[in-house]
Amino acid sequence: MDDAVELAEMIGQLRSELSRAMADGAGEGLRFQAEKLELELTVAVERSREPGAKVRFWVLDVHGSARSAHTATQRIKLTLQPVLGDAPDSPALISGAELPDES
């Protein structure tokens, strides 16, 4: 699946981006509390026929290629609650540059 990303890798990249946004926002006057993150994904499930192989979930581009049209896909919705590893009861505060359509 050339245009797909493993679900674990996608969540890892999301974690990395949120961590970077938190670090960039340290000391900023305006910050945002991340209460929930909702993701809607189109995924394909793959199971190898090799001994001991695991099921893998691939996140597909929503536009999909002709190849993904022949793959059985499912849409899933994940709701993630961001927490700090060293203070799970504290809110995760995120900041970043204001986008043109934000006010």
C-alpha atoms as a PDB file:
ATOM      1  CA  MET A   1       0.000   0.000   0.000  1.00  0.00           C
ATOM      2  CA  ASP A   2       2.183   2.747  -1.362  1.00  0.00           C
ATOM      3  CA  ASP A   3      -0.071   5.660  -0.365  1.00  0.00           C
ATOM      4  CA  ALA A   4      -1.042   4.315   3.066  1.00  0.00           C
ATOM      5  CA  VAL A   5       0.418   4.859   6.532  1.00  0.00           C
ATOM      6  CA  GLU A   6       0.198   2.427   9.423  1.00  0.00           C
ATOM      7  CA  LEU A   7      -2.291   3.539  12.064  1.00  0.00           C
ATOM      8  CA  ALA A   8       0.354   3.399  14.818  1.00  0.00           C
ATOM      9  CA  GLU A   9       2.695   5.598  12.755  1.00  0.00           C
ATOM     10  CA  MET A  10      -0.088   8.126  12.090  1.00  0.00           C
ATOM     11  CA  ILE A  11      -0.940   8.357  15.807  1.00  0.00           C
ATOM     12  CA  GLY A  12       2.773   8.668  16.612  1.00  0.00           C
ATOM     13  CA  GLN A  13       3.088  11.575  14.164  1.00  0.00           C
ATOM     14  CA  LEU A  14      -0.003  13.206  15.678  1.00  0.00           C
ATOM     15  CA  ARG A  15       1.558  12.854  19.137  1.00  0.00           C
ATOM     16  CA  SER A  16       4.778  14.409  17.842  1.00  0.00           C
ATOM     17  CA  GLU A  17       2.941  17.361  16.262  1.00  0.00           C
ATOM     18  CA  LEU A  18       0.923  18.009  19.425  1.00  0.00           C
ATOM     19  CA  SER A  19       4.087  17.838  21.558  1.00  0.00           C
ATOM     20  CA  ARG A  20       5.773  20.331  19.236  1.00  0.00           C
ATOM     21  CA  ALA A  21       2.753  22.652  19.423  1.00  0.00           C
ATOM     22  CA  MET A  22       2.860  22.454  23.232  1.00  0.00           C
ATOM     23  CA  ALA A  23       6.572  23.292  23.283  1.00  0.00           C
ATOM     24  CA  ASP A  24       6.113  26.136  20.788  1.00  0.00           C
ATOM     25  CA  GLY A  25       3.287  27.538  22.930  1.00  0.00           C
ATOM     26  CA  ALA A  26       5.217  27.590  26.198  1.00  0.00           C
ATOM     27  CA  GLY A  27       5.057  31.148  27.523  1.00  0.00           C
ATOM     28  CA  GLU A  28       2.465  32.299  24.965  1.00  0.00           C
ATOM     29  CA  GLY A  29      -0.406  34.462  26.211  1.00  0.00           C
ATOM     30  CA  LEU A  30      -3.071  32.397  24.434  1.00  0.00           C
ATOM     31  CA  ARG A  31      -3.159  28.626  24.752  1.00  0.00           C
ATOM     32  CA  PHE A  32      -5.759  25.961  24.044  1.00  0.00           C
ATOM     33  CA  GLN A  33      -6.756  23.080  26.269  1.00  0.00           C
ATOM     34  CA  ALA A  34      -6.901  19.827  24.317  1.00  0.00           C
ATOM     35  CA  GLU A  35      -9.897  18.030  25.751  1.00  0.00           C
ATOM     36  CA  LYS A  36     -10.565  15.541  22.984  1.00  0.00           C
ATOM     37  CA  LEU A  37      -9.226  14.837  19.528  1.00  0.00           C
ATOM     38  CA  GLU A  38     -11.621  13.236  17.090  1.00  0.00           C
ATOM     39  CA  LEU A  39     -10.235  11.568  13.997  1.00  0.00           C
ATOM     40  CA  GLU A  40     -12.202  10.046  11.156  1.00  0.00           C
ATOM     41  CA  LEU A  41     -10.108   7.658   9.144  1.00  0.00           C
ATOM     42  CA  THR A  42     -10.503   5.326   6.217  1.00  0.00           C
ATOM     43  CA  VAL A  43      -8.557   2.195   7.055  1.00  0.00           C
ATOM     44  CA  ALA A  44      -7.706  -1.067   5.364  1.00  0.00           C
ATOM     45  CA  VAL A  45      -7.031  -4.175   7.414  1.00  0.00           C
ATOM     46  CA  GLU A  46      -4.227  -6.490   6.374  1.00  0.00           C
ATOM     47  CA  ARG A  47      -3.332  -9.853   7.855  1.00  0.00           C
ATOM     48  CA  SER A  48      -0.237 -11.670   6.657  1.00  0.00           C
ATOM     49  CA  ARG A  49      -0.345 -15.365   6.066  1.00  0.00           C
ATOM     50  CA  GLU A  50       3.046 -15.808   7.687  1.00  0.00           C
ATOM     51  CA  PRO A  51       3.254 -17.663  11.022  1.00  0.00           C
ATOM     52  CA  GLY A  52       2.954 -15.284  13.968  1.00  0.00           C
ATOM     53  CA  ALA A  53       1.889 -12.388  11.737  1.00  0.00           C
ATOM     54  CA  LYS A  54      -0.305  -9.681  13.189  1.00  0.00           C
ATOM     55  CA  VAL A  55      -3.195  -7.717  11.802  1.00  0.00           C
ATOM     56  CA  ARG A  56      -2.141  -4.264  10.584  1.00  0.00           C
ATOM     57  CA  PHE A  57      -4.333  -1.221  10.059  1.00  0.00           C
ATOM     58  CA  TRP A  58      -3.419   1.099   7.218  1.00  0.00           C
ATOM     59  CA  VAL A  59      -4.749   4.667   7.066  1.00  0.00           C
ATOM     60  CA  LEU A  60      -5.628   5.533   3.480  1.00  0.00           C
ATOM     61  CA  ASP A  61      -5.746   8.867   1.705  1.00  0.00           C
ATOM     62  CA  VAL A  62      -9.397   9.906   1.520  1.00  0.00           C
ATOM     63  CA  HIS A  63      -9.048  10.486  -2.218  1.00  0.00           C
ATOM     64  CA  GLY A  64      -7.659   6.975  -2.596  1.00  0.00           C
ATOM     65  CA  SER A  65      -5.949   5.529  -5.584  1.00  0.00           C
ATOM     66  CA  ALA A  66      -7.369   3.023  -8.038  1.00  0.00           C
ATOM     67  CA  ARG A  67      -5.544   0.350  -6.057  1.00  0.00           C
ATOM     68  CA  SER A  68      -7.288   1.257  -2.798  1.00  0.00           C
ATOM     69  CA  ALA A  69     -10.630   0.975  -4.615  1.00  0.00           C
ATOM     70  CA  HIS A  70     -10.040  -2.795  -4.712  1.00  0.00           C
ATOM     71  CA  THR A  71      -9.175  -2.966  -1.014  1.00  0.00           C
ATOM     72  CA  ALA A  72     -11.857  -3.641   1.569  1.00  0.00           C
ATOM     73  CA  THR A  73     -11.944  -0.503   3.686  1.00  0.00           C
ATOM     74  CA  GLN A  74     -13.743   0.691   6.784  1.00  0.00           C
ATOM     75  CA  ARG A  75     -14.275   4.177   8.177  1.00  0.00           C
ATOM     76  CA  ILE A  76     -13.494   4.440  11.856  1.00  0.00           C
ATOM     77  CA  LYS A  77     -13.761   7.315  14.289  1.00  0.00           C
ATOM     78  CA  LEU A  78     -11.247   7.578  17.135  1.00  0.00           C
ATOM     79  CA  THR A  79     -11.678   9.899  20.086  1.00  0.00           C
ATOM     80  CA  LEU A  80      -8.389  10.497  21.886  1.00  0.00           C
ATOM     81  CA  GLN A  81      -7.989  12.238  25.256  1.00  0.00           C
ATOM     82  CA  PRO A  82      -4.592  13.956  25.355  1.00  0.00           C
ATOM     83  CA  VAL A  83      -2.867  13.716  28.751  1.00  0.00           C
ATOM     84  CA  LEU A  84       0.610  14.596  29.973  1.00  0.00           C
ATOM     85  CA  GLY A  85       2.751  11.558  30.739  1.00  0.00           C
ATOM     86  CA  ASP A  86       4.116  13.014  33.973  1.00  0.00           C
ATOM     87  CA  ALA A  87       0.847  14.708  35.038  1.00  0.00           C
ATOM     88  CA  PRO A  88      -2.132  12.787  33.576  1.00  0.00           C
ATOM     89  CA  ASP A  89      -4.664  14.799  35.614  1.00  0.00           C
ATOM     90  CA  SER A  90      -3.458  18.135  34.207  1.00  0.00           C
ATOM     91  CA  PRO A  91      -4.876  19.499  30.949  1.00  0.00           C
ATOM     92  CA  ALA A  92      -2.668  19.440  27.880  1.00  0.00           C
ATOM     93  CA  LEU A  93      -2.277  23.056  26.774  1.00  0.00           C
ATOM     94  CA  ILE A  94      -1.529  23.637  23.117  1.00  0.00           C
ATOM     95  CA  SER A  95      -0.680  26.835  21.291  1.00  0.00           C
ATOM     96  CA  GLY A  96       0.364  27.791  17.824  1.00  0.00           C
ATOM     97  CA  ALA A  97       0.240  30.539  15.259  1.00  0.00           C
ATOM     98  CA  GLU A  98      -3.242  31.841  14.563  1.00  0.00           C
ATOM     99  CA  LEU A  99      -4.566  30.715  11.197  1.00  0.00           C
ATOM    100  CA  PRO A 100      -6.155  33.266   8.836  1.00  0.00           C
ATOM    101  CA  ASP A 101      -9.718  31.980   9.431  1.00  0.00           C
ATOM    102  CA  GLU A 102      -9.379  31.858  13.242  1.00  0.00           C
ATOM    103  CA  SER A 103     -10.481  34.702  15.453  1.00  0.00           C
END
